[in-house]
Amino acid sequence: MKYCISLLLTVALLGFAGCAVISNHSHSRVEGTKISPETISKIAVGETTKSWLVSALGAPDSASGLEGGELLKYTSSRITKKHGHLLFILDSSSERIEKETYFFEFKEGLLHRYWREEV
């Protein structure tokens, strides 16, 4: 008899455990100019012009004058939000932001150098 009661309690607890998570979901979105690896592969130091880059990527987020040149900056952010509920009592949510910035330095109309920074 004790064995049957223990077995029934165990089955009931396992059944309730399967229903414990009410919902769990996440979604992501990208803001800014996301530069694909395919586009980066087309960029060449000493060959790529500012006009080509702007036509391929659109207007930069910022442009700064340098001695003898110009620096263009493109930034994108991937924002991932996660949200979950547990047993009508616990509520969990989080947000993760991954930021990527490309810098392109032009001198005399041609790309002198470029680099990427991640945060």
C-alpha atoms as a PDB file:
ATOM      1  CA  MET A   1       0.000   0.000   0.000  1.00  0.00           C
ATOM      2  CA  LYS A   2       2.828   2.387   0.863  1.00  0.00           C
ATOM      3  CA  TYR A   3       4.427   1.527  -2.459  1.00  0.00           C
ATOM      4  CA  CYS A   4       1.219   2.409  -4.365  1.00  0.00           C
ATOM      5  CA  ILE A   5       0.877   5.759  -2.602  1.00  0.00           C
ATOM      6  CA  SER A   6       4.532   6.605  -3.300  1.00  0.00           C
ATOM      7  CA  LEU A   7       4.114   5.606  -6.929  1.00  0.00           C
ATOM      8  CA  LEU A   8       0.967   7.718  -7.314  1.00  0.00           C
ATOM      9  CA  LEU A   9       2.667  10.743  -5.713  1.00  0.00           C
ATOM     10  CA  THR A  10       5.685  10.347  -7.968  1.00  0.00           C
ATOM     11  CA  VAL A  11       3.520  10.118 -11.095  1.00  0.00           C
ATOM     12  CA  ALA A  12       1.485  13.150  -9.991  1.00  0.00           C
ATOM     13  CA  LEU A  13       4.619  15.214  -9.313  1.00  0.00           C
ATOM     14  CA  LEU A  14       6.123  14.288 -12.679  1.00  0.00           C
ATOM     15  CA  GLY A  15       2.848  15.223 -14.368  1.00  0.00           C
ATOM     16  CA  PHE A  16       2.807  18.621 -12.683  1.00  0.00           C
ATOM     17  CA  ALA A  17       6.489  19.186 -13.477  1.00  0.00           C
ATOM     18  CA  GLY A  18       5.706  18.884 -17.182  1.00  0.00           C
ATOM     19  CA  CYS A  19       3.164  21.699 -16.839  1.00  0.00           C
ATOM     20  CA  ALA A  20       5.424  23.953 -14.784  1.00  0.00           C
ATOM     21  CA  VAL A  21       6.665  26.149 -17.625  1.00  0.00           C
ATOM     22  CA  ILE A  22       3.754  28.149 -18.926  1.00  0.00           C
ATOM     23  CA  SER A  23       5.674  30.037 -21.637  1.00  0.00           C
ATOM     24  CA  ASN A  24       9.215  30.718 -22.710  1.00  0.00           C
ATOM     25  CA  HIS A  25      10.068  32.722 -25.835  1.00  0.00           C
ATOM     26  CA  SER A  26      12.657  35.047 -27.313  1.00  0.00           C
ATOM     27  CA  HIS A  27      12.928  37.369 -30.298  1.00  0.00           C
ATOM     28  CA  SER A  28      15.692  39.409 -31.899  1.00  0.00           C
ATOM     29  CA  ARG A  29      15.814  42.523 -34.007  1.00  0.00           C
ATOM     30  CA  VAL A  30      18.633  44.430 -35.705  1.00  0.00           C
ATOM     31  CA  GLU A  31      18.899  48.205 -35.648  1.00  0.00           C
ATOM     32  CA  GLY A  32      21.293  50.241 -37.740  1.00  0.00           C
ATOM     33  CA  THR A  33      23.364  49.122 -40.705  1.00  0.00           C
ATOM     34  CA  LYS A  34      24.287  45.434 -40.543  1.00  0.00           C
ATOM     35  CA  ILE A  35      27.239  44.806 -42.850  1.00  0.00           C
ATOM     36  CA  SER A  36      27.288  41.285 -44.267  1.00  0.00           C
ATOM     37  CA  PRO A  37      30.458  39.203 -44.806  1.00  0.00           C
ATOM     38  CA  GLU A  38      29.667  39.272 -48.551  1.00  0.00           C
ATOM     39  CA  THR A  39      29.832  43.076 -48.578  1.00  0.00           C
ATOM     40  CA  ILE A  40      33.055  43.090 -46.551  1.00  0.00           C
ATOM     41  CA  SER A  41      34.609  40.682 -49.074  1.00  0.00           C
ATOM     42  CA  LYS A  42      34.007  43.290 -51.821  1.00  0.00           C
ATOM     43  CA  ILE A  43      35.844  46.036 -49.918  1.00  0.00           C
ATOM     44  CA  ALA A  44      39.525  46.498 -50.775  1.00  0.00           C
ATOM     45  CA  VAL A  45      42.044  48.898 -49.275  1.00  0.00           C
ATOM     46  CA  GLY A  46      43.418  51.235 -51.960  1.00  0.00           C
ATOM     47  CA  GLU A  47      40.578  50.415 -54.383  1.00  0.00           C
ATOM     48  CA  THR A  48      37.194  51.043 -52.716  1.00  0.00           C
ATOM     49  CA  THR A  49      35.907  54.599 -53.108  1.00  0.00           C
ATOM     50  CA  LYS A  50      33.789  56.510 -50.629  1.00  0.00           C
ATOM     51  CA  SER A  51      30.972  56.848 -53.174  1.00  0.00           C
ATOM     52  CA  TRP A  52      30.881  53.059 -53.731  1.00  0.00           C
ATOM     53  CA  LEU A  53      30.771  52.386 -49.985  1.00  0.00           C
ATOM     54  CA  VAL A  54      27.973  54.888 -49.387  1.00  0.00           C
ATOM     55  CA  SER A  55      25.973  53.496 -52.316  1.00  0.00           C
ATOM     56  CA  ALA A  56      26.427  49.941 -50.959  1.00  0.00           C
ATOM     57  CA  LEU A  57      25.727  50.689 -47.279  1.00  0.00           C
ATOM     58  CA  GLY A  58      23.755  53.910 -47.269  1.00  0.00           C
ATOM     59  CA  ALA A  59      24.579  57.054 -45.339  1.00  0.00           C
ATOM     60  CA  PRO A  60      26.978  56.507 -42.421  1.00  0.00           C
ATOM     61  CA  ASP A  61      25.949  57.064 -38.818  1.00  0.00           C
ATOM     62  CA  SER A  62      28.691  59.674 -38.600  1.00  0.00           C
ATOM     63  CA  ALA A  63      31.464  61.172 -40.696  1.00  0.00           C
ATOM     64  CA  SER A  64      34.492  62.950 -39.250  1.00  0.00           C
ATOM     65  CA  GLY A  65      37.133  64.947 -41.027  1.00  0.00           C
ATOM     66  CA  LEU A  66      40.710  63.727 -40.571  1.00  0.00           C
ATOM     67  CA  GLU A  67      43.960  65.278 -41.681  1.00  0.00           C
ATOM     68  CA  GLY A  68      43.958  64.498 -45.376  1.00  0.00           C
ATOM     69  CA  GLY A  69      40.865  62.344 -45.249  1.00  0.00           C
ATOM     70  CA  GLU A  70      37.606  61.297 -43.665  1.00  0.00           C
ATOM     71  CA  LEU A  71      36.385  58.618 -41.249  1.00  0.00           C
ATOM     72  CA  LEU A  72      32.952  57.002 -41.770  1.00  0.00           C
ATOM     73  CA  LYS A  73      31.256  55.074 -38.981  1.00  0.00           C
ATOM     74  CA  TYR A  74      28.503  52.430 -39.336  1.00  0.00           C
ATOM     75  CA  THR A  75      26.919  50.881 -36.237  1.00  0.00           C
ATOM     76  CA  SER A  76      24.436  48.035 -35.834  1.00  0.00           C
ATOM     77  CA  SER A  77      22.888  46.473 -32.747  1.00  0.00           C
ATOM     78  CA  ARG A  78      21.290  43.052 -32.325  1.00  0.00           C
ATOM     79  CA  ILE A  79      18.786  43.186 -29.478  1.00  0.00           C
ATOM     80  CA  THR A  80      17.585  39.836 -28.122  1.00  0.00           C
ATOM     81  CA  LYS A  81      14.761  39.730 -25.593  1.00  0.00           C
ATOM     82  CA  LYS A  82      13.849  36.575 -23.658  1.00  0.00           C
ATOM     83  CA  HIS A  83      10.754  36.155 -21.550  1.00  0.00           C
ATOM     84  CA  GLY A  84       9.386  33.253 -19.517  1.00  0.00           C
ATOM     85  CA  HIS A  85       6.750  32.403 -16.914  1.00  0.00           C
ATOM     86  CA  LEU A  86       6.875  29.647 -14.318  1.00  0.00           C
ATOM     87  CA  LEU A  87       3.840  28.418 -12.368  1.00  0.00           C
ATOM     88  CA  PHE A  88       1.978  31.749 -12.555  1.00  0.00           C
ATOM     89  CA  ILE A  89       4.339  33.015  -9.857  1.00  0.00           C
ATOM     90  CA  LEU A  90       7.765  33.599 -11.352  1.00  0.00           C
ATOM     91  CA  ASP A  91       8.272  35.929 -14.287  1.00  0.00           C
ATOM     92  CA  SER A  92      11.635  36.236 -15.968  1.00  0.00           C
ATOM     93  CA  SER A  93      12.824  38.526 -18.736  1.00  0.00           C
ATOM     94  CA  SER A  94      16.198  39.582 -20.030  1.00  0.00           C
ATOM     95  CA  GLU A  95      17.620  41.715 -22.799  1.00  0.00           C
ATOM     96  CA  ARG A  96      20.984  41.266 -24.510  1.00  0.00           C
ATOM     97  CA  ILE A  97      22.488  43.899 -26.803  1.00  0.00           C
ATOM     98  CA  GLU A  98      25.371  43.094 -29.128  1.00  0.00           C
ATOM     99  CA  LYS A  99      26.803  46.176 -30.811  1.00  0.00           C
ATOM    100  CA  GLU A 100      29.074  46.130 -33.869  1.00  0.00           C
ATOM    101  CA  THR A 101      30.754  49.209 -35.324  1.00  0.00           C
ATOM    102  CA  TYR A 102      32.723  49.466 -38.561  1.00  0.00           C
ATOM    103  CA  PHE A 103      35.099  52.347 -39.218  1.00  0.00           C
ATOM    104  CA  PHE A 104      36.259  53.221 -42.753  1.00  0.00           C
ATOM    105  CA  GLU A 105      39.109  55.686 -43.195  1.00  0.00           C
ATOM    106  CA  PHE A 106      39.424  57.365 -46.595  1.00  0.00           C
ATOM    107  CA  LYS A 107      42.382  59.364 -47.882  1.00  0.00           C
ATOM    108  CA  GLU A 108      42.389  61.044 -51.275  1.00  0.00           C
ATOM    109  CA  GLY A 109      39.059  59.394 -52.106  1.00  0.00           C
ATOM    110  CA  LEU A 110      40.218  55.805 -51.583  1.00  0.00           C
ATOM    111  CA  LEU A 111      39.899  53.470 -48.631  1.00  0.00           C
ATOM    112  CA  HIS A 112      43.062  53.707 -46.545  1.00  0.00           C
ATOM    113  CA  ARG A 113      42.050  51.222 -43.807  1.00  0.00           C
ATOM    114  CA  TYR A 114      39.014  49.832 -42.008  1.00  0.00           C
ATOM    115  CA  TRP A 115      38.291  47.942 -38.800  1.00  0.00           C
ATOM    116  CA  ARG A 116      35.490  46.528 -36.710  1.00  0.00           C
ATOM    117  CA  GLU A 117      34.783  46.882 -33.002  1.00  0.00           C
ATOM    118  CA  GLU A 118      32.331  44.763 -31.012  1.00  0.00           C
ATOM    119  CA  VAL A 119      30.739  45.553 -27.669  1.00  0.00           C
END
